[in-house]
């Protein structure tokens, strides 16, 4: 795969200089340590929530541990088999490659999972991958 045959090679110092002189603001939340910025949308995980906090917010629901009420699920035709662990992924994996809408990856120890990949209009391939190796 050729990502960009015309790409320039930069030294570490040149990369830092380009970043420091960029006119576009860096918006990726993980680019800056959490202690140095406000919490971004989607950044809070279960370790940052008090026990029962979500259940308290869902107090109007008969069972606060459920994100969807039984009556809403029944009206939508959702049954337990559709949400069983791994079943949804297995159903998606069974789709044809071009219908699936994602690339399947199977990295081994020390490799990284590909999160997304697409070919841009200029012919270059854009790839995003997980920051944590398997």
N, C-alpha and C. Protein backbone atom coordinates (compact mmCIF):
# COMPACT_ATOMS: atom_id res chain seq x y z
N UNK A 1 0.86 -1.17 0.00
CA UNK A 1 0.00 0.00 0.00
C UNK A 1 0.89 1.23 0.00
N UNK A 2 0.63 2.17 -0.84
CA UNK A 2 1.37 3.42 -0.89
C UNK A 2 0.49 4.49 -0.28
N UNK A 3 0.93 5.07 0.83
CA UNK A 3 0.12 6.10 1.48
C UNK A 3 0.24 7.43 0.75
N UNK A 4 1.46 7.86 0.44
CA UNK A 4 1.66 9.09 -0.31
C UNK A 4 3.06 9.07 -0.89
N UNK A 5 3.18 8.75 -2.16
CA UNK A 5 4.52 8.64 -2.74
C UNK A 5 5.27 9.97 -2.80
N UNK A 6 4.58 11.09 -2.65
CA UNK A 6 5.22 12.40 -2.70
C UNK A 6 5.43 13.02 -1.33
N UNK A 7 5.25 12.23 -0.28
CA UNK A 7 5.36 12.77 1.08
C UNK A 7 6.79 13.20 1.37
N UNK A 8 6.91 14.31 2.08
CA UNK A 8 8.22 14.81 2.50
C UNK A 8 8.60 14.17 3.83
N UNK A 9 9.87 13.98 4.03
CA UNK A 9 10.37 13.43 5.28
C UNK A 9 10.83 14.59 6.17
N UNK A 10 10.40 14.59 7.42
CA UNK A 10 10.74 15.67 8.35
C UNK A 10 11.53 15.12 9.53
N UNK A 11 12.41 15.96 10.07
CA UNK A 11 13.09 15.60 11.31
C UNK A 11 12.12 15.87 12.46
N UNK A 12 12.43 15.37 13.65
CA UNK A 12 11.59 15.63 14.82
C UNK A 12 11.44 17.13 15.07
N UNK A 13 12.54 17.88 14.96
CA UNK A 13 12.49 19.32 15.20
C UNK A 13 11.61 20.03 14.17
N UNK A 14 11.65 19.58 12.91
CA UNK A 14 10.81 20.18 11.88
C UNK A 14 9.33 19.92 12.16
N UNK A 15 9.03 18.73 12.66
CA UNK A 15 7.63 18.41 13.00
C UNK A 15 7.15 19.31 14.12
N UNK A 16 7.96 19.47 15.16
CA UNK A 16 7.60 20.34 16.28
C UNK A 16 7.41 21.77 15.80
N UNK A 17 8.32 22.25 14.95
CA UNK A 17 8.19 23.61 14.40
C UNK A 17 6.89 23.77 13.62
N UNK A 18 6.52 22.76 12.80
CA UNK A 18 5.28 22.82 12.02
C UNK A 18 4.07 22.88 12.94
N UNK A 19 4.08 22.07 14.00
CA UNK A 19 2.95 22.07 14.94
C UNK A 19 2.86 23.41 15.65
N UNK A 20 3.97 23.92 16.12
CA UNK A 20 3.96 25.19 16.86
C UNK A 20 3.56 26.37 15.99
N UNK A 21 3.81 26.30 14.69
CA UNK A 21 3.47 27.42 13.82
C UNK A 21 2.12 27.23 13.11
N UNK A 22 1.42 26.14 13.39
CA UNK A 22 0.15 25.87 12.71
C UNK A 22 -0.89 26.91 13.09
N UNK A 23 -1.69 27.32 12.12
CA UNK A 23 -2.75 28.30 12.38
C UNK A 23 -4.04 27.62 12.82
N UNK A 24 -4.16 26.31 12.57
CA UNK A 24 -5.35 25.56 12.96
C UNK A 24 -5.16 25.01 14.36
N UNK A 25 -6.15 25.22 15.20
CA UNK A 25 -6.10 24.75 16.58
C UNK A 25 -6.15 23.23 16.64
N UNK A 26 -5.36 22.64 17.54
CA UNK A 26 -5.41 21.20 17.76
C UNK A 26 -6.67 20.91 18.57
N UNK A 27 -7.56 20.06 18.05
CA UNK A 27 -8.83 19.81 18.73
C UNK A 27 -8.93 18.42 19.31
N UNK A 28 -7.98 17.54 19.04
CA UNK A 28 -8.04 16.19 19.57
C UNK A 28 -7.78 16.24 21.07
N UNK A 29 -8.77 15.88 21.87
CA UNK A 29 -8.70 16.02 23.32
C UNK A 29 -7.50 15.32 23.91
N UNK A 30 -7.13 14.17 23.40
CA UNK A 30 -6.03 13.42 24.01
C UNK A 30 -4.66 13.99 23.66
N UNK A 31 -4.61 15.07 22.87
CA UNK A 31 -3.33 15.69 22.53
C UNK A 31 -2.77 16.47 23.71
N UNK A 32 -3.60 16.78 24.67
CA UNK A 32 -3.19 17.55 25.84
C UNK A 32 -3.58 16.76 27.08
N UNK A 33 -2.72 16.75 28.08
CA UNK A 33 -3.00 16.02 29.32
C UNK A 33 -4.32 16.48 29.92
N UNK A 34 -5.10 15.53 30.43
CA UNK A 34 -6.42 15.84 30.99
C UNK A 34 -6.35 16.89 32.09
N UNK A 35 -5.29 16.88 32.90
CA UNK A 35 -5.18 17.83 34.00
C UNK A 35 -5.04 19.27 33.51
N UNK A 36 -4.63 19.45 32.26
CA UNK A 36 -4.39 20.78 31.71
C UNK A 36 -5.57 21.33 30.93
N UNK A 37 -6.69 20.64 30.89
CA UNK A 37 -7.82 21.09 30.09
C UNK A 37 -9.13 20.62 30.70
N UNK A 38 -10.24 21.19 30.26
CA UNK A 38 -11.55 20.71 30.73
C UNK A 38 -11.84 19.33 30.15
N UNK A 39 -12.77 18.62 30.75
CA UNK A 39 -13.16 17.30 30.27
C UNK A 39 -13.91 17.45 28.96
N UNK A 40 -13.53 16.66 27.98
CA UNK A 40 -14.16 16.71 26.66
C UNK A 40 -15.32 15.71 26.59
N UNK A 41 -16.22 15.92 25.64
CA UNK A 41 -17.35 15.01 25.44
C UNK A 41 -16.84 13.61 25.14
N UNK A 42 -17.42 12.61 25.78
CA UNK A 42 -17.06 11.22 25.54
C UNK A 42 -15.80 10.78 26.24
N UNK A 43 -15.24 11.62 27.09
CA UNK A 43 -13.97 11.31 27.73
C UNK A 43 -14.14 10.66 29.10
N UNK A 44 -15.28 10.79 29.70
CA UNK A 44 -15.51 10.23 31.04
C UNK A 44 -15.84 8.75 30.92
N UNK A 45 -15.15 7.92 31.69
CA UNK A 45 -15.45 6.49 31.69
C UNK A 45 -15.99 6.08 33.06
N UNK A 46 -16.23 4.79 33.23
CA UNK A 46 -16.86 4.30 34.45
C UNK A 46 -16.03 4.56 35.70
N UNK A 47 -14.71 4.71 35.57
CA UNK A 47 -13.89 4.98 36.75
C UNK A 47 -14.08 6.40 37.25
N UNK A 48 -14.59 7.28 36.42
CA UNK A 48 -14.79 8.67 36.81
C UNK A 48 -16.19 8.94 37.34
N UNK A 49 -17.06 7.94 37.32
CA UNK A 49 -18.43 8.11 37.78
C UNK A 49 -18.62 7.51 39.17
N UNK A 50 -19.37 8.21 39.99
CA UNK A 50 -19.70 7.67 41.31
C UNK A 50 -20.61 6.47 41.14
N UNK A 51 -20.48 5.49 42.03
CA UNK A 51 -21.33 4.30 41.98
C UNK A 51 -22.79 4.72 42.04
N UNK A 52 -23.58 4.23 41.12
CA UNK A 52 -25.01 4.53 41.10
C UNK A 52 -25.39 5.85 40.45
N UNK A 53 -24.40 6.61 39.94
CA UNK A 53 -24.69 7.93 39.37
C UNK A 53 -25.63 7.85 38.18
N UNK A 54 -25.40 6.88 37.30
CA UNK A 54 -26.27 6.74 36.13
C UNK A 54 -27.65 6.27 36.56
N UNK A 55 -27.69 5.33 37.49
CA UNK A 55 -28.99 4.84 37.97
C UNK A 55 -29.80 5.98 38.58
N UNK A 56 -29.13 6.87 39.30
CA UNK A 56 -29.83 8.01 39.89
C UNK A 56 -30.41 8.91 38.81
N UNK A 57 -29.64 9.16 37.76
CA UNK A 57 -30.12 10.00 36.66
C UNK A 57 -31.29 9.34 35.92
N UNK A 58 -31.33 8.02 35.92
CA UNK A 58 -32.40 7.29 35.24
C UNK A 58 -33.51 6.91 36.21
N UNK A 59 -33.63 7.64 37.29
CA UNK A 59 -34.57 7.31 38.35
C UNK A 59 -36.00 7.13 37.89
N UNK A 60 -36.42 7.81 36.84
CA UNK A 60 -37.80 7.68 36.37
C UNK A 60 -38.05 6.31 35.75
N UNK A 61 -36.97 5.65 35.33
CA UNK A 61 -37.08 4.31 34.74
C UNK A 61 -37.35 3.30 35.85
N UNK A 62 -38.18 2.33 35.58
CA UNK A 62 -38.51 1.31 36.58
C UNK A 62 -37.26 0.57 37.05
N UNK A 63 -36.36 0.28 36.14
CA UNK A 63 -35.10 -0.38 36.47
C UNK A 63 -33.98 0.51 35.97
N UNK A 64 -33.37 1.30 36.85
CA UNK A 64 -32.35 2.26 36.48
C UNK A 64 -31.10 1.65 35.89
N UNK A 65 -30.94 0.34 35.98
CA UNK A 65 -29.76 -0.30 35.39
C UNK A 65 -29.92 -0.50 33.89
N UNK A 66 -31.12 -0.32 33.37
CA UNK A 66 -31.37 -0.51 31.95
C UNK A 66 -31.38 0.85 31.26
N UNK A 67 -30.73 0.93 30.12
CA UNK A 67 -30.73 2.18 29.37
C UNK A 67 -31.96 2.32 28.49
N UNK A 68 -32.63 1.22 28.21
CA UNK A 68 -33.84 1.24 27.40
C UNK A 68 -34.94 0.53 28.20
N UNK A 69 -36.08 1.15 28.29
CA UNK A 69 -37.16 0.53 29.04
C UNK A 69 -37.68 -0.70 28.29
N UNK A 70 -38.24 -1.63 29.04
CA UNK A 70 -38.77 -2.85 28.43
C UNK A 70 -39.88 -2.52 27.43
N UNK A 71 -40.71 -1.53 27.76
CA UNK A 71 -41.81 -1.19 26.85
C UNK A 71 -41.28 -0.58 25.54
N UNK A 72 -40.24 0.25 25.65
CA UNK A 72 -39.65 0.83 24.45
C UNK A 72 -38.99 -0.26 23.60
N UNK A 73 -38.28 -1.17 24.24
CA UNK A 73 -37.63 -2.26 23.52
C UNK A 73 -38.66 -3.13 22.82
N UNK A 74 -39.76 -3.43 23.52
CA UNK A 74 -40.81 -4.26 22.93
C UNK A 74 -41.44 -3.56 21.72
N UNK A 75 -41.67 -2.26 21.85
CA UNK A 75 -42.26 -1.51 20.74
C UNK A 75 -41.33 -1.49 19.53
N UNK A 76 -40.02 -1.50 19.77
CA UNK A 76 -39.05 -1.48 18.68
C UNK A 76 -38.76 -2.88 18.16
N UNK A 77 -39.30 -3.90 18.82
CA UNK A 77 -39.08 -5.27 18.39
C UNK A 77 -37.72 -5.82 18.77
N UNK A 78 -37.10 -5.23 19.81
CA UNK A 78 -35.78 -5.68 20.25
C UNK A 78 -35.96 -6.81 21.26
N UNK A 79 -35.27 -7.91 21.00
CA UNK A 79 -35.33 -9.04 21.93
C UNK A 79 -33.93 -9.32 22.46
N UNK A 80 -33.84 -10.06 23.57
CA UNK A 80 -32.55 -10.32 24.20
C UNK A 80 -31.54 -10.94 23.25
N UNK A 81 -31.98 -11.79 22.33
CA UNK A 81 -31.05 -12.46 21.42
C UNK A 81 -30.31 -11.45 20.55
N UNK A 82 -30.93 -10.29 20.29
CA UNK A 82 -30.30 -9.29 19.43
C UNK A 82 -29.19 -8.53 20.14
N UNK A 83 -29.18 -8.56 21.45
CA UNK A 83 -28.16 -7.83 22.20
C UNK A 83 -27.23 -8.76 22.97
N UNK A 84 -27.31 -10.04 22.73
CA UNK A 84 -26.42 -10.98 23.40
C UNK A 84 -24.98 -10.67 23.04
N UNK A 85 -24.10 -10.86 24.00
CA UNK A 85 -22.68 -10.53 23.80
C UNK A 85 -22.11 -11.20 22.56
N UNK A 86 -21.55 -10.40 21.67
CA UNK A 86 -20.90 -10.91 20.48
C UNK A 86 -21.82 -11.21 19.31
N UNK A 87 -23.13 -11.31 19.54
CA UNK A 87 -24.03 -11.68 18.46
C UNK A 87 -24.12 -10.58 17.39
N UNK A 88 -24.19 -9.34 17.83
CA UNK A 88 -24.27 -8.24 16.86
C UNK A 88 -23.02 -8.20 16.00
N UNK A 89 -21.85 -8.37 16.61
CA UNK A 89 -20.60 -8.38 15.85
C UNK A 89 -20.58 -9.54 14.86
N UNK A 90 -21.02 -10.71 15.30
CA UNK A 90 -21.04 -11.87 14.42
C UNK A 90 -21.95 -11.63 13.23
N UNK A 91 -23.09 -10.99 13.46
CA UNK A 91 -24.02 -10.68 12.37
C UNK A 91 -23.39 -9.70 11.38
N UNK A 92 -22.68 -8.68 11.89
CA UNK A 92 -22.02 -7.72 11.01
C UNK A 92 -20.87 -8.37 10.25
N UNK A 93 -20.10 -9.20 10.93
CA UNK A 93 -18.97 -9.88 10.29
C UNK A 93 -19.45 -10.78 9.15
N UNK A 94 -20.67 -11.26 9.23
CA UNK A 94 -21.21 -12.16 8.20
C UNK A 94 -21.60 -11.41 6.92
N UNK A 95 -21.69 -10.08 6.99
CA UNK A 95 -22.03 -9.30 5.80
C UNK A 95 -20.90 -9.34 4.79
N UNK A 96 -21.23 -9.08 3.52
CA UNK A 96 -20.22 -9.00 2.47
C UNK A 96 -19.25 -7.86 2.79
N UNK A 97 -18.01 -7.98 2.35
CA UNK A 97 -16.98 -6.97 2.65
C UNK A 97 -17.42 -5.55 2.33
N UNK A 98 -18.05 -5.34 1.19
CA UNK A 98 -18.44 -3.99 0.79
C UNK A 98 -19.72 -3.52 1.47
N UNK A 99 -20.50 -4.42 2.04
CA UNK A 99 -21.73 -4.04 2.73
C UNK A 99 -21.49 -3.77 4.21
N UNK A 100 -20.40 -4.30 4.73
CA UNK A 100 -20.12 -4.26 6.17
C UNK A 100 -19.88 -2.84 6.67
N UNK A 101 -19.16 -2.02 5.92
CA UNK A 101 -18.92 -0.65 6.34
C UNK A 101 -17.75 -0.49 7.29
N UNK A 102 -17.02 -1.54 7.56
CA UNK A 102 -15.82 -1.44 8.39
C UNK A 102 -14.83 -2.50 7.94
N UNK A 103 -13.58 -2.30 8.34
CA UNK A 103 -12.53 -3.25 8.00
C UNK A 103 -12.30 -4.15 9.21
N UNK A 104 -12.30 -5.44 8.98
CA UNK A 104 -12.01 -6.37 10.08
C UNK A 104 -10.50 -6.40 10.29
N UNK A 105 -10.07 -6.34 11.55
CA UNK A 105 -8.65 -6.44 11.85
C UNK A 105 -8.44 -7.55 12.86
N UNK A 106 -7.29 -8.17 12.79
CA UNK A 106 -6.95 -9.25 13.73
C UNK A 106 -5.48 -9.12 14.12
N UNK A 107 -5.12 -8.03 14.82
CA UNK A 107 -3.72 -7.84 15.18
C UNK A 107 -3.27 -8.87 16.22
N UNK A 108 -1.99 -9.18 16.17
CA UNK A 108 -1.41 -10.08 17.16
C UNK A 108 -0.71 -9.24 18.22
N UNK A 109 -0.16 -9.87 19.23
CA UNK A 109 0.47 -9.18 20.34
C UNK A 109 1.50 -8.15 19.85
N UNK A 110 1.38 -6.93 20.37
CA UNK A 110 2.29 -5.85 19.99
C UNK A 110 1.83 -5.04 18.80
N UNK A 111 0.80 -5.50 18.10
CA UNK A 111 0.27 -4.76 16.96
C UNK A 111 -0.93 -3.92 17.39
N UNK A 112 -1.39 -3.04 16.51
CA UNK A 112 -2.46 -2.11 16.83
C UNK A 112 -3.69 -2.38 15.98
N UNK A 113 -4.88 -2.26 16.59
CA UNK A 113 -6.14 -2.41 15.85
C UNK A 113 -6.37 -1.18 14.98
N UNK A 114 -6.77 -1.40 13.74
CA UNK A 114 -7.15 -0.29 12.86
C UNK A 114 -8.56 0.12 13.23
N UNK A 115 -8.75 1.42 13.45
CA UNK A 115 -10.05 1.95 13.83
C UNK A 115 -10.85 2.34 12.59
N UNK A 116 -10.19 3.01 11.64
CA UNK A 116 -10.87 3.37 10.40
C UNK A 116 -9.85 3.58 9.29
N UNK A 117 -10.32 3.44 8.06
CA UNK A 117 -9.46 3.61 6.89
C UNK A 117 -10.34 4.02 5.72
N UNK A 118 -9.87 4.97 4.95
CA UNK A 118 -10.59 5.36 3.75
C UNK A 118 -9.62 5.95 2.74
N UNK A 119 -9.99 5.91 1.47
CA UNK A 119 -9.20 6.53 0.41
C UNK A 119 -9.80 7.90 0.16
N UNK A 120 -8.99 8.90 0.29
CA UNK A 120 -9.44 10.28 0.13
C UNK A 120 -9.57 10.63 -1.35
N UNK A 121 -10.21 11.74 -1.63
CA UNK A 121 -10.43 12.18 -3.01
C UNK A 121 -9.12 12.38 -3.76
N UNK A 122 -8.04 12.74 -3.05
CA UNK A 122 -6.75 12.96 -3.71
C UNK A 122 -5.98 11.66 -3.92
N UNK A 123 -6.57 10.52 -3.56
CA UNK A 123 -5.95 9.22 -3.77
C UNK A 123 -5.12 8.72 -2.61
N UNK A 124 -4.93 9.53 -1.59
CA UNK A 124 -4.15 9.12 -0.43
C UNK A 124 -5.01 8.29 0.50
N UNK A 125 -4.39 7.36 1.19
CA UNK A 125 -5.10 6.51 2.14
C UNK A 125 -4.98 7.11 3.53
N UNK A 126 -6.10 7.32 4.20
CA UNK A 126 -6.12 7.85 5.56
C UNK A 126 -6.47 6.71 6.50
N UNK A 127 -5.63 6.48 7.50
CA UNK A 127 -5.85 5.38 8.43
C UNK A 127 -5.76 5.90 9.87
N UNK A 128 -6.67 5.46 10.71
CA UNK A 128 -6.61 5.75 12.14
C UNK A 128 -6.50 4.41 12.85
N UNK A 129 -5.71 4.36 13.90
CA UNK A 129 -5.54 3.12 14.65
C UNK A 129 -5.55 3.41 16.14
N UNK A 130 -5.82 2.38 16.93
CA UNK A 130 -5.84 2.48 18.38
C UNK A 130 -4.44 2.82 18.88
N UNK A 131 -4.35 3.63 19.93
CA UNK A 131 -3.06 4.01 20.49
C UNK A 131 -2.46 2.93 21.39
N UNK A 132 -3.25 1.91 21.71
CA UNK A 132 -2.79 0.85 22.63
C UNK A 132 -2.65 -0.46 21.87
N UNK A 133 -1.47 -1.05 21.95
CA UNK A 133 -1.23 -2.32 21.26
C UNK A 133 -1.99 -3.45 21.94
N UNK A 134 -2.27 -4.48 21.18
CA UNK A 134 -2.97 -5.67 21.70
C UNK A 134 -2.03 -6.44 22.59
